[in-house]
Protein backbone atom coordinates (compact mmCIF):
# COMPACT_ATOMS: atom_id res chain seq x y z
CA UNK A 1 0.04 0.05 -0.06
CA UNK A 2 1.34 3.35 -1.01
CA UNK A 3 0.60 6.36 1.23
CA UNK A 4 -1.11 9.33 -0.40
CA UNK A 5 1.32 12.17 -1.23
CA UNK A 6 -1.17 14.86 0.07
CA UNK A 7 0.60 14.37 3.50
CA UNK A 8 4.31 14.91 3.76
CA UNK A 9 6.54 12.93 6.20
CA UNK A 10 6.81 15.91 8.41
CA UNK A 11 2.88 16.22 8.67
CA UNK A 12 2.75 12.42 9.36
CA UNK A 13 5.27 12.71 12.17
CA UNK A 14 3.61 12.73 15.58
CA UNK A 15 4.15 16.05 17.38
CA UNK A 16 5.95 16.19 20.68
CA UNK A 17 2.75 16.72 22.67
CA UNK A 18 1.51 13.40 21.12
CA UNK A 19 4.69 11.61 22.13
CA UNK A 20 4.42 13.04 25.64
CA UNK A 21 0.86 11.89 25.99
CA UNK A 22 1.72 8.44 24.84
CA UNK A 23 4.57 8.33 27.35
CA UNK A 24 2.19 9.41 30.10
CA UNK A 25 0.00 6.40 29.01
CA UNK A 26 2.78 3.97 29.41
CA UNK A 27 3.78 5.36 32.82
CA UNK A 28 0.19 5.24 34.03
CA UNK A 29 -0.18 1.70 32.83
CA UNK A 30 3.04 0.64 34.65
CA UNK A 31 1.91 2.36 37.84
CA UNK A 32 -1.67 1.05 37.83
CA UNK A 33 -0.96 -2.21 36.02
CA UNK A 34 -4.04 -1.80 33.84
CA UNK A 35 -5.31 0.14 30.86
CA UNK A 36 -5.02 -0.50 27.18
CA UNK A 37 -4.19 -3.46 25.10
CA UNK A 38 -0.85 -4.75 23.61
CA UNK A 39 -1.98 -2.85 20.41
CA UNK A 40 -2.27 0.26 22.40
CA UNK A 41 1.15 -0.30 23.96
CA UNK A 42 2.62 -0.80 20.41
CA UNK A 43 0.96 2.41 19.30
CA UNK A 44 2.47 4.25 22.29
CA UNK A 45 5.94 3.14 21.32
CA UNK A 46 5.41 4.14 17.73
CA UNK A 47 4.20 7.58 18.74
CA UNK A 48 7.03 8.14 21.12
CA UNK A 49 9.53 7.22 18.49
CA UNK A 50 7.93 10.04 16.40
CA UNK A 51 8.20 8.13 13.14
CA UNK A 52 5.85 9.06 10.26
CA UNK A 53 2.48 7.28 10.23
CA UNK A 54 1.13 5.51 7.31
CA UNK A 55 -2.43 6.18 5.87
CA UNK A 56 -3.47 2.92 7.56
CA UNK A 57 -2.16 4.13 10.95
CA UNK A 58 -3.89 7.45 10.59
CA UNK A 59 -7.30 5.63 9.75
CA UNK A 60 -6.77 3.22 12.59
CA UNK A 61 -6.13 6.04 15.04
CA UNK A 62 -9.06 8.06 13.86
CA UNK A 63 -11.33 4.98 14.28
CA UNK A 64 -9.97 4.33 17.77
CA UNK A 65 -10.70 7.91 18.96
CA UNK A 66 -14.20 7.81 17.42
CA UNK A 67 -14.96 4.46 19.13
CA UNK A 68 -13.55 5.38 22.56
CA UNK A 69 -14.74 9.01 22.87
CA UNK A 70 -17.57 7.69 25.15
CA UNK A 71 -15.04 6.36 27.59
CA UNK A 72 -14.51 9.88 28.65
CA UNK A 73 -17.89 9.79 30.45
CA UNK A 74 -16.78 6.83 32.46
CA UNK A 75 -16.12 6.68 36.28
CA UNK A 76 -12.64 7.89 37.40
CA UNK A 77 -11.74 9.45 34.08
CA UNK A 78 -8.63 11.53 34.83
CA UNK A 79 -8.83 10.73 38.51
CA UNK A 80 -5.16 11.36 39.63
CA UNK A 81 -5.34 8.66 42.31
CA UNK A 82 -7.21 5.99 40.26
CA UNK A 83 -7.48 6.87 36.51
CA UNK A 84 -9.83 4.69 34.58
CA UNK A 85 -8.46 2.02 32.24
CA UNK A 86 -9.99 4.03 29.35
CA UNK A 87 -8.11 7.16 30.46
CA UNK A 88 -4.86 5.23 30.38
CA UNK A 89 -5.70 3.64 27.03
CA UNK A 90 -6.58 7.04 25.62
CA UNK A 91 -3.13 8.33 26.49
CA UNK A 92 -1.40 5.28 24.97
CA UNK A 93 -2.98 6.36 21.71
CA UNK A 94 -1.58 9.88 22.23
CA UNK A 95 -4.49 11.53 24.05
CA UNK A 96 -6.10 14.82 23.11
CA UNK A 97 -3.17 16.06 21.21
CA UNK A 98 -3.21 13.05 18.94
CA UNK A 99 -7.06 13.20 18.51
CA UNK A 100 -6.92 16.78 17.14
CA UNK A 101 -3.86 15.97 14.96
CA UNK A 102 -5.30 12.70 13.61
CA UNK A 103 -8.72 14.37 12.88
CA UNK A 104 -7.00 16.93 10.65
CA UNK A 105 -4.87 14.31 8.84
CA UNK A 106 -7.86 12.01 8.28
CA UNK A 107 -9.98 14.88 6.89
CA UNK A 108 -7.25 15.71 4.43
CA UNK A 109 -6.93 12.16 3.30
CA UNK A 110 -10.72 11.87 2.96
CA UNK A 111 -10.74 15.15 0.83
CA UNK A 112 -8.60 13.32 -1.71
CA UNK A 113 -10.45 10.06 -1.56
CA UNK A 114 -7.85 8.08 0.38
């Protein structure tokens, strides 16, 4: 699969805030021993490495955020003493900075039919 040229490698590279949110997710997961799946852990490592994402990665992340936005209404979301598993997972995927960044990239890909 070839990535669409509408997005440059620089635009596909996770911003620092996304990498920091993913690192926070890994830290919370280690402390609380829960939150996220192995897929989420792999995504966190990918975001922390700040390697450019493929079209497939962008679409996958967009879908994750769309499916899991409802988790934000859950009990203990962002509770510093006992954050919910959903909160931890959300951060593994780059948190709010990633959601905003991915929404923009996905919209641009959709505009060109990718």
